[in-house]
Amino acid sequence: MNRDSFLHNAAQLTAEREAARPRIAALRGTVSHAQDEPVPPSWRNAGFVQELITAAADMLETDARESLCMAQLALAITTSLPHNSYPLPIQAQMEAFVWKEIGTAHRFLSEYDAALRAYDAALRSVRRTSVLAHDEAIIELARAVALSDLGRHDDALALIAQTAPVLHEFGDGSRLHQAALLKAIVHQRRGELAAARTTYEELVSLLEGTDDLHTLAAVYNNLGQVCIDLGQPSVALLALQHARALLEALDMPAEQTRTNWVLARVLLSIGQYANAINALQSIRAQFLSRGMSEEAALVGLDLIDASIATEQRDRAIALTEQVIAEFTAAGLNERAMTALSYLHDLVPTAAEPRRIVAHVRLYLEELRREPTRLFLPLDEPSP
């Protein structure tokens, strides 16, 4: 592409994006209905698609399902554009980032198979041309996050090692920090807590004073969780409060809710049950309002645990029934239903019900990464 062509395309895309912004702003909250209607001719351009991708990314934290609908509308428009409407690099990059945004929305919704399929489609698009190496590295890093969530840590680390030199070559310091953060998360998930804490603390030193507040918030959040597991609740609380303040400043309510959840679990671990219950009830309601049923179920288990700890077994039983009903309505993994039914049956009479709650909670967390994992009762369930 020569200089004149580049400038022409840049001017065209700028004009298309400016025209698209008010129309896309009007779509917020109604985008699912727009998918059922014919695409207006004025929407069929790359600028409109790029603005849809931006809008999908912006709403990911507040409403992942709506973000997914926005990205899917962008895909529908992209596939309807006449062949050779734009130079190949623009077309390939546009398709790739539509698929990437679809993948990330699915990941936020714990729909990991769909997320990985979308990331694979993004890679196929970006590899149609040889000039998008940086974009390919960005997509591979997003895919590494999903692989780590699924417990495929070696695969995630391999992608990080593959993408880091490319990110360094393009001077993408922010994503290099994200790659380092993901390596620390892998340490944490493998139970290598001291190594994880050291890496998180190194990242805090690197990021303090920079404008990469999103990554810094994530580092503080994970540092707090590691310190909980290391039996250092006071250090954990301080780190989590830093994370929450940053996320509030960044206007990232979904991530702020996740951080509040970890804070509530700290309160639960140190016996501040009344405060923990109040926080968990609010957090659970927020997850349910965003359609994040699996997160809401796990918060429900924390509430069940707190209810048992405060001698409210009837409340614990009612909460278990409520979580089962929500899982059923959402059509989620039937294996989770087996575990929850097991919990429901044993909570009324078990001598150590909190041990059963912890067992079921661990299983549900693992089930998100391994959807075919079988549920096994405790070796010697309490009578």
Protein backbone atom coordinates (compact mmCIF):
# COMPACT_ATOMS: atom_id res chain seq x y z
CA MET A 1 0.00 0.00 0.00
CA ASN A 2 1.59 3.32 -1.10
CA ARG A 3 1.46 6.53 0.91
CA ASP A 4 -1.43 8.10 -1.02
CA SER A 5 -3.54 4.94 -0.67
CA PHE A 6 -2.77 4.77 3.04
CA LEU A 7 -3.82 8.39 3.60
CA HIS A 8 -6.99 7.91 1.54
CA ASN A 9 -8.00 4.81 3.52
CA ALA A 10 -7.21 6.50 6.85
CA ALA A 11 -9.38 9.50 5.93
CA GLN A 12 -12.20 7.21 4.77
CA LEU A 13 -12.15 5.15 7.99
CA THR A 14 -12.08 8.30 10.15
CA ALA A 15 -15.16 9.67 8.38
CA GLU A 16 -16.97 6.33 8.64
CA ARG A 17 -16.24 6.06 12.37
CA GLU A 18 -17.42 9.60 13.07
CA ALA A 19 -20.68 8.92 11.24
CA ALA A 20 -21.13 5.62 13.10
CA ARG A 21 -20.73 6.88 16.69
CA PRO A 22 -24.19 8.42 17.27
CA ARG A 23 -25.90 5.45 15.63
CA ILE A 24 -24.00 2.95 17.79
CA ALA A 25 -24.67 4.98 20.94
CA ALA A 26 -28.38 4.61 20.17
CA LEU A 27 -27.95 0.82 19.89
CA ARG A 28 -26.80 0.35 23.48
CA GLY A 29 -29.33 -1.75 25.35
CA THR A 30 -31.17 -2.72 22.17
CA VAL A 31 -28.45 -4.36 20.10
CA SER A 32 -29.96 -7.86 20.43
CA HIS A 33 -33.06 -6.61 18.59
CA ALA A 34 -30.93 -5.04 15.85
CA GLN A 35 -29.52 -8.49 15.05
CA ASP A 36 -32.98 -9.60 13.91
CA GLU A 37 -33.37 -6.73 11.43
CA PRO A 38 -31.79 -6.24 7.98
CA VAL A 39 -28.51 -4.34 8.18
CA PRO A 40 -29.01 -0.77 6.85
CA PRO A 41 -26.71 0.13 3.94
CA SER A 42 -25.21 3.01 5.95
CA TRP A 43 -23.87 0.47 8.48
CA ARG A 44 -22.00 -1.59 5.89
CA ASN A 45 -18.53 -0.15 6.23
CA ALA A 46 -15.32 -0.80 8.15
CA GLY A 47 -15.62 2.33 10.28
CA PHE A 48 -18.99 1.18 11.60
CA VAL A 49 -17.51 -2.24 12.42
CA GLN A 50 -14.53 -0.67 14.20
CA GLU A 51 -16.83 1.47 16.33
CA LEU A 52 -18.92 -1.61 17.19
CA ILE A 53 -15.73 -3.40 18.32
CA THR A 54 -14.83 -0.42 20.52
CA ALA A 55 -18.34 -0.33 21.98
CA ALA A 56 -18.25 -4.09 22.67
CA ALA A 57 -14.95 -3.71 24.52
CA ASP A 58 -16.24 -0.73 26.51
CA MET A 59 -19.33 -2.60 27.78
CA LEU A 60 -17.56 -5.89 28.49
CA GLU A 61 -17.12 -5.04 32.18
CA THR A 62 -20.70 -3.93 32.73
CA ASP A 63 -22.61 -6.39 30.55
CA ALA A 64 -20.68 -9.21 28.90
CA ARG A 65 -23.80 -10.63 27.22
CA GLU A 66 -24.61 -7.29 25.60
CA SER A 67 -20.94 -6.96 24.61
CA LEU A 68 -21.20 -10.33 22.88
CA CYS A 69 -24.31 -9.20 21.00
CA MET A 70 -22.50 -6.05 19.87
CA ALA A 71 -19.51 -8.07 18.62
CA GLN A 72 -21.79 -10.55 16.85
CA LEU A 73 -23.52 -7.67 15.06
CA ALA A 74 -20.06 -6.46 13.99
CA LEU A 75 -19.36 -9.93 12.61
CA ALA A 76 -22.64 -9.96 10.67
CA ILE A 77 -21.73 -6.63 9.05
CA THR A 78 -18.15 -7.70 8.35
CA THR A 79 -19.27 -10.82 6.51
CA SER A 80 -21.78 -8.81 4.47
CA LEU A 81 -19.25 -6.34 3.07
CA PRO A 82 -18.59 -6.71 -0.66
CA HIS A 83 -15.37 -8.49 -1.51
CA ASN A 84 -12.36 -6.14 -1.90
CA SER A 85 -14.20 -3.23 -0.25
CA TYR A 86 -10.97 -2.46 1.59
CA PRO A 87 -7.31 -3.46 1.22
CA LEU A 88 -6.57 -6.93 2.58
CA PRO A 89 -4.71 -5.78 5.74
CA ILE A 90 -7.67 -3.61 6.80
CA GLN A 91 -10.18 -6.37 6.04
CA ALA A 92 -8.14 -9.05 7.81
CA GLN A 93 -7.49 -6.90 10.88
CA MET A 94 -11.16 -5.95 11.12
CA GLU A 95 -12.32 -9.59 10.96
CA ALA A 96 -9.64 -10.67 13.45
CA PHE A 97 -10.59 -8.11 16.08
CA VAL A 98 -14.29 -8.84 15.70
CA TRP A 99 -13.56 -12.50 16.46
CA LYS A 100 -11.21 -11.54 19.29
CA GLU A 101 -13.93 -9.46 20.95
CA ILE A 102 -16.41 -12.33 20.54
CA GLY A 103 -13.88 -14.66 22.16
CA THR A 104 -13.25 -12.35 25.10
CA ALA A 105 -16.97 -11.88 25.76
CA HIS A 106 -17.41 -15.67 25.79
CA ARG A 107 -14.45 -15.94 28.20
CA PHE A 108 -16.05 -13.42 30.56
CA LEU A 109 -19.20 -15.56 30.46
CA SER A 110 -17.14 -18.73 31.24
CA GLU A 111 -18.04 -20.15 27.80
CA TYR A 112 -14.53 -21.38 27.13
CA ASP A 113 -15.10 -23.69 24.16
CA ALA A 114 -16.81 -20.86 22.28
CA ALA A 115 -14.05 -18.45 23.34
CA LEU A 116 -11.29 -20.67 21.95
CA ARG A 117 -13.16 -21.22 18.68
CA ALA A 118 -13.50 -17.45 18.29
CA TYR A 119 -9.80 -16.86 19.01
CA ASP A 120 -8.91 -19.52 16.43
CA ALA A 121 -11.08 -17.73 13.89
CA ALA A 122 -9.34 -14.45 14.77
CA LEU A 123 -5.95 -16.05 14.11
CA ARG A 124 -7.11 -17.43 10.76
CA SER A 125 -8.20 -13.94 9.76
CA VAL A 126 -5.02 -12.17 10.84
CA ARG A 127 -2.81 -14.76 9.12
CA ARG A 128 -4.34 -13.95 5.74
CA THR A 129 -1.64 -11.29 5.44
CA SER A 130 1.95 -11.14 6.65
CA VAL A 131 1.87 -7.56 7.96
CA LEU A 132 -0.16 -8.06 11.14
CA ALA A 133 2.37 -9.75 13.43
CA HIS A 134 1.59 -7.42 16.33
CA ASP A 135 -2.14 -8.09 16.03
CA GLU A 136 -1.46 -11.82 15.97
CA ALA A 137 0.54 -11.52 19.20
CA ILE A 138 -2.33 -9.60 20.84
CA ILE A 139 -4.79 -12.36 19.92
CA GLU A 140 -2.43 -15.10 21.08
CA LEU A 141 -2.05 -13.38 24.45
CA ALA A 142 -5.85 -13.25 24.81
CA ARG A 143 -6.00 -16.94 23.95
CA ALA A 144 -3.32 -17.66 26.57
CA VAL A 145 -5.58 -16.13 29.24
CA ALA A 146 -8.40 -18.49 28.27
CA LEU A 147 -6.04 -21.49 28.25
CA SER A 148 -4.80 -20.61 31.73
CA ASP A 149 -8.42 -20.31 32.93
CA LEU A 150 -8.93 -23.85 31.63
CA GLY A 151 -5.91 -25.14 33.53
CA ARG A 152 -3.85 -25.62 30.34
CA HIS A 153 -0.93 -23.83 31.93
CA ASP A 154 1.87 -25.26 29.78
CA ASP A 155 0.01 -24.17 26.63
CA ALA A 156 -0.51 -20.70 28.11
CA LEU A 157 3.16 -20.35 29.04
CA ALA A 158 4.22 -21.48 25.56
CA LEU A 159 2.08 -18.73 24.01
CA ILE A 160 3.49 -16.14 26.38
CA ALA A 161 7.05 -17.14 25.43
CA GLN A 162 6.06 -16.95 21.75
CA THR A 163 4.36 -13.55 21.91
CA ALA A 164 6.66 -11.66 24.31
CA PRO A 165 9.46 -11.03 21.76
CA VAL A 166 6.93 -9.68 19.25
CA LEU A 167 5.35 -7.39 21.85
CA HIS A 168 8.82 -6.17 22.82
CA GLU A 169 9.72 -5.52 19.18
CA PHE A 170 6.63 -3.35 18.77
CA GLY A 171 7.26 -1.52 22.05
CA ASP A 172 3.99 -2.76 23.56
CA GLY A 173 4.98 -2.39 27.21
CA SER A 174 1.43 -2.64 28.50
CA ARG A 175 0.87 -6.09 27.04
CA LEU A 176 4.34 -7.22 28.14
CA HIS A 177 3.22 -6.41 31.68
CA GLN A 178 0.01 -8.37 31.06
CA ALA A 179 2.08 -11.33 29.88
CA ALA A 180 4.18 -11.17 33.07
CA LEU A 181 0.98 -10.97 35.10
CA LEU A 182 -0.35 -14.08 33.39
CA LYS A 183 2.87 -15.97 34.20
CA ALA A 184 2.41 -15.05 37.86
CA ILE A 185 -1.21 -16.23 37.70
CA VAL A 186 0.00 -19.60 36.39
CA HIS A 187 2.37 -19.85 39.38
CA GLN A 188 -0.56 -19.04 41.65
CA ARG A 189 -2.87 -21.59 40.09
CA ARG A 190 -0.19 -24.25 40.36
CA GLY A 191 0.13 -23.56 44.07
CA GLU A 192 3.57 -21.93 43.71
CA LEU A 193 2.48 -19.13 46.02
CA ALA A 194 5.86 -17.72 47.05
CA ALA A 195 6.94 -17.41 43.40
CA ALA A 196 3.60 -15.81 42.51
CA ARG A 197 3.86 -13.28 45.35
CA THR A 198 7.40 -12.32 44.35
CA THR A 199 6.36 -11.73 40.73
CA TYR A 200 3.31 -9.70 41.75
CA GLU A 201 5.41 -7.50 44.02
CA GLU A 202 7.95 -6.96 41.23
CA LEU A 203 5.12 -5.92 38.91
CA VAL A 204 3.76 -3.48 41.48
CA SER A 205 7.20 -1.80 41.56
CA LEU A 206 7.28 -1.65 37.75
CA LEU A 207 3.74 -0.32 37.34
CA GLU A 208 3.50 2.20 40.16
CA GLY A 209 3.72 5.64 38.62
CA THR A 210 2.74 4.47 35.12
CA ASP A 211 -0.63 5.00 33.44
CA ASP A 212 -1.27 1.24 33.15
CA LEU A 213 -3.76 1.31 36.00
CA HIS A 214 -5.81 -1.63 34.71
CA THR A 215 -2.88 -4.04 34.91
CA LEU A 216 -1.80 -2.60 38.27
CA ALA A 217 -5.31 -3.21 39.64
CA ALA A 218 -5.17 -6.81 38.43
CA VAL A 219 -1.75 -7.27 40.07
CA TYR A 220 -2.98 -5.94 43.41
CA ASN A 221 -6.08 -8.15 43.17
CA ASN A 222 -4.06 -11.29 42.59
CA LEU A 223 -1.49 -10.33 45.21
CA GLY A 224 -4.35 -10.09 47.69
CA GLN A 225 -5.59 -13.57 46.80
CA VAL A 226 -2.09 -15.06 47.17
CA CYS A 227 -1.67 -13.45 50.58
CA ILE A 228 -4.98 -14.96 51.69
CA ASP A 229 -3.69 -18.41 50.75
CA LEU A 230 -0.38 -17.65 52.51
CA GLY A 231 -2.28 -16.86 55.71
CA GLN A 232 -1.57 -13.11 55.61
CA PRO A 233 -5.05 -11.50 55.75
CA SER A 234 -3.87 -8.01 56.76
CA VAL A 235 -1.52 -7.80 53.76
CA ALA A 236 -4.29 -9.21 51.56
CA LEU A 237 -6.78 -6.58 52.69
CA LEU A 238 -4.36 -3.75 51.93
CA ALA A 239 -3.62 -5.06 48.42
CA LEU A 240 -7.31 -5.64 47.65
CA GLN A 241 -8.24 -2.16 48.83
CA HIS A 242 -5.64 -0.73 46.43
CA ALA A 243 -7.17 -2.85 43.63
CA ARG A 244 -10.70 -1.71 44.41
CA ALA A 245 -9.73 1.97 44.44
CA LEU A 246 -8.03 1.64 41.05
CA LEU A 247 -10.97 -0.22 39.52
CA GLU A 248 -13.40 2.35 40.84
CA ALA A 249 -11.32 5.13 39.24
CA LEU A 250 -11.27 3.15 35.98
CA ASP A 251 -15.06 2.64 36.10
CA MET A 252 -14.78 -1.16 35.82
CA PRO A 253 -17.73 -2.37 37.90
CA ALA A 254 -17.54 -6.07 36.98
CA GLU A 255 -13.91 -6.31 38.05
CA GLN A 256 -14.66 -4.20 41.10
CA THR A 257 -17.34 -6.74 42.02
CA ARG A 258 -14.81 -9.57 41.67
CA THR A 259 -12.42 -7.72 43.97
CA ASN A 260 -15.20 -7.11 46.49
CA TRP A 261 -15.86 -10.85 46.36
CA VAL A 262 -12.26 -11.62 47.33
CA LEU A 263 -12.48 -9.04 50.12
CA ALA A 264 -15.66 -10.71 51.38
CA ARG A 265 -13.89 -14.06 51.42
CA VAL A 266 -11.13 -12.51 53.53
CA LEU A 267 -13.79 -11.36 56.01
CA LEU A 268 -15.22 -14.87 55.96
CA SER A 269 -11.80 -16.41 56.62
CA ILE A 270 -11.17 -14.22 59.68
CA GLY A 271 -14.61 -14.81 61.18
CA GLN A 272 -16.29 -11.47 60.40
CA TYR A 273 -19.40 -13.32 59.31
CA ALA A 274 -22.00 -10.55 59.50
CA ASN A 275 -19.93 -8.20 57.32
CA ALA A 276 -19.07 -11.05 54.96
CA ILE A 277 -22.74 -12.02 54.55
CA ASN A 278 -23.83 -8.44 53.77
CA ALA A 279 -21.07 -8.08 51.18
CA LEU A 280 -21.70 -11.49 49.59
CA GLN A 281 -25.43 -10.83 49.21
CA SER A 282 -24.72 -7.62 47.29
CA ILE A 283 -22.03 -9.28 45.16
CA ARG A 284 -24.27 -12.22 44.29
CA ALA A 285 -27.08 -9.87 43.21
CA GLN A 286 -24.66 -7.97 40.96
CA PHE A 287 -23.43 -11.15 39.26
CA LEU A 288 -27.00 -12.34 38.70
CA SER A 289 -27.96 -8.97 37.19
CA ARG A 290 -25.13 -9.38 34.66
CA GLY A 291 -26.10 -12.94 33.74
CA MET A 292 -22.93 -14.35 35.34
CA SER A 293 -24.68 -17.42 36.75
CA GLU A 294 -21.60 -19.50 37.57
CA GLU A 295 -19.98 -16.69 39.55
CA ALA A 296 -23.28 -16.12 41.35
CA ALA A 297 -23.43 -19.82 42.23
CA LEU A 298 -19.92 -19.74 43.71
CA VAL A 299 -20.83 -16.65 45.76
CA GLY A 300 -23.91 -18.59 46.84
CA LEU A 301 -21.65 -21.32 48.18
CA ASP A 302 -19.72 -18.72 50.18
CA LEU A 303 -23.05 -17.54 51.62
CA ILE A 304 -23.98 -21.13 52.45
CA ASP A 305 -20.65 -21.49 54.23
CA ALA A 306 -21.24 -18.28 56.19
CA SER A 307 -24.78 -19.38 57.10
CA ILE A 308 -23.49 -22.68 58.45
CA ALA A 309 -20.76 -20.87 60.39
CA THR A 310 -23.44 -18.74 62.07
CA GLU A 311 -25.65 -21.74 62.89
CA GLN A 312 -28.26 -20.95 60.22
CA ARG A 313 -28.63 -24.36 58.58
CA ASP A 314 -32.19 -23.71 57.39
CA ARG A 315 -30.92 -20.64 55.52
CA ALA A 316 -28.06 -22.69 54.08
CA ILE A 317 -30.52 -25.32 52.79
CA ALA A 318 -32.73 -22.62 51.23
CA LEU A 319 -29.72 -21.02 49.55
CA THR A 320 -28.64 -24.39 48.13
CA GLU A 321 -32.12 -24.87 46.64
CA GLN A 322 -31.97 -21.37 45.16
CA VAL A 323 -28.57 -21.97 43.56
CA ILE A 324 -29.80 -25.29 42.11
CA ALA A 325 -32.84 -23.50 40.62
CA GLU A 326 -30.62 -20.84 39.06
CA PHE A 327 -28.31 -23.44 37.55
CA THR A 328 -31.32 -25.26 36.12
CA ALA A 329 -32.81 -22.09 34.63
CA ALA A 330 -29.49 -21.13 33.07
CA GLY A 331 -29.07 -24.59 31.51
CA LEU A 332 -25.59 -24.95 32.98
CA ASN A 333 -23.49 -28.09 33.37
CA GLU A 334 -25.53 -31.02 34.71
CA ARG A 335 -22.49 -32.29 36.59
CA ALA A 336 -22.71 -29.18 38.74
CA MET A 337 -26.26 -30.18 39.61
CA THR A 338 -24.98 -33.51 40.92
CA ALA A 339 -22.52 -31.75 43.23
CA LEU A 340 -25.10 -29.24 44.43
CA SER A 341 -27.66 -31.99 45.07
CA TYR A 342 -25.04 -33.84 47.12
CA LEU A 343 -24.50 -30.69 49.16
CA HIS A 344 -28.25 -30.18 49.59
CA ASP A 345 -28.72 -33.74 50.85
CA LEU A 346 -25.89 -33.62 53.42
CA VAL A 347 -26.06 -30.08 54.82
CA PRO A 348 -29.06 -30.77 57.13
CA THR A 349 -27.35 -33.56 59.10
CA ALA A 350 -23.60 -33.57 58.39
CA ALA A 351 -21.28 -33.17 61.36
CA GLU A 352 -18.83 -31.10 59.25
CA PRO A 353 -20.99 -29.31 56.66
CA ARG A 354 -18.39 -26.60 55.96
CA ARG A 355 -16.00 -29.32 54.77
CA ILE A 356 -18.66 -30.45 52.29
CA VAL A 357 -19.23 -26.87 51.09
CA ALA A 358 -15.48 -26.46 50.50
CA HIS A 359 -15.37 -29.76 48.59
CA VAL A 360 -18.29 -28.80 46.32
CA ARG A 361 -16.92 -25.27 45.78
CA LEU A 362 -13.54 -26.60 44.69
CA TYR A 363 -15.27 -28.99 42.28
CA LEU A 364 -17.38 -26.22 40.71
CA GLU A 365 -14.28 -24.07 40.20
CA GLU A 366 -12.51 -26.99 38.50
CA LEU A 367 -15.61 -27.81 36.45
CA ARG A 368 -15.41 -24.40 34.77
CA ARG A 369 -12.01 -25.44 33.39
CA GLU A 370 -12.85 -29.14 32.85
CA PRO A 371 -16.54 -29.41 31.86
CA THR A 372 -16.41 -33.23 31.70
CA ARG A 373 -14.84 -33.70 35.16
CA LEU A 374 -16.76 -36.24 37.28
CA PHE A 375 -17.97 -35.32 40.74
CA LEU A 376 -16.75 -37.64 43.50
CA PRO A 377 -18.18 -37.45 47.03
CA LEU A 378 -15.85 -37.12 49.97
CA ASP A 379 -14.25 -40.43 50.91
CA GLU A 380 -16.03 -40.49 54.25
CA PRO A 381 -18.96 -38.08 54.19
CA SER A 382 -19.99 -37.02 57.65
CA PRO A 383 -23.20 -38.71 58.84
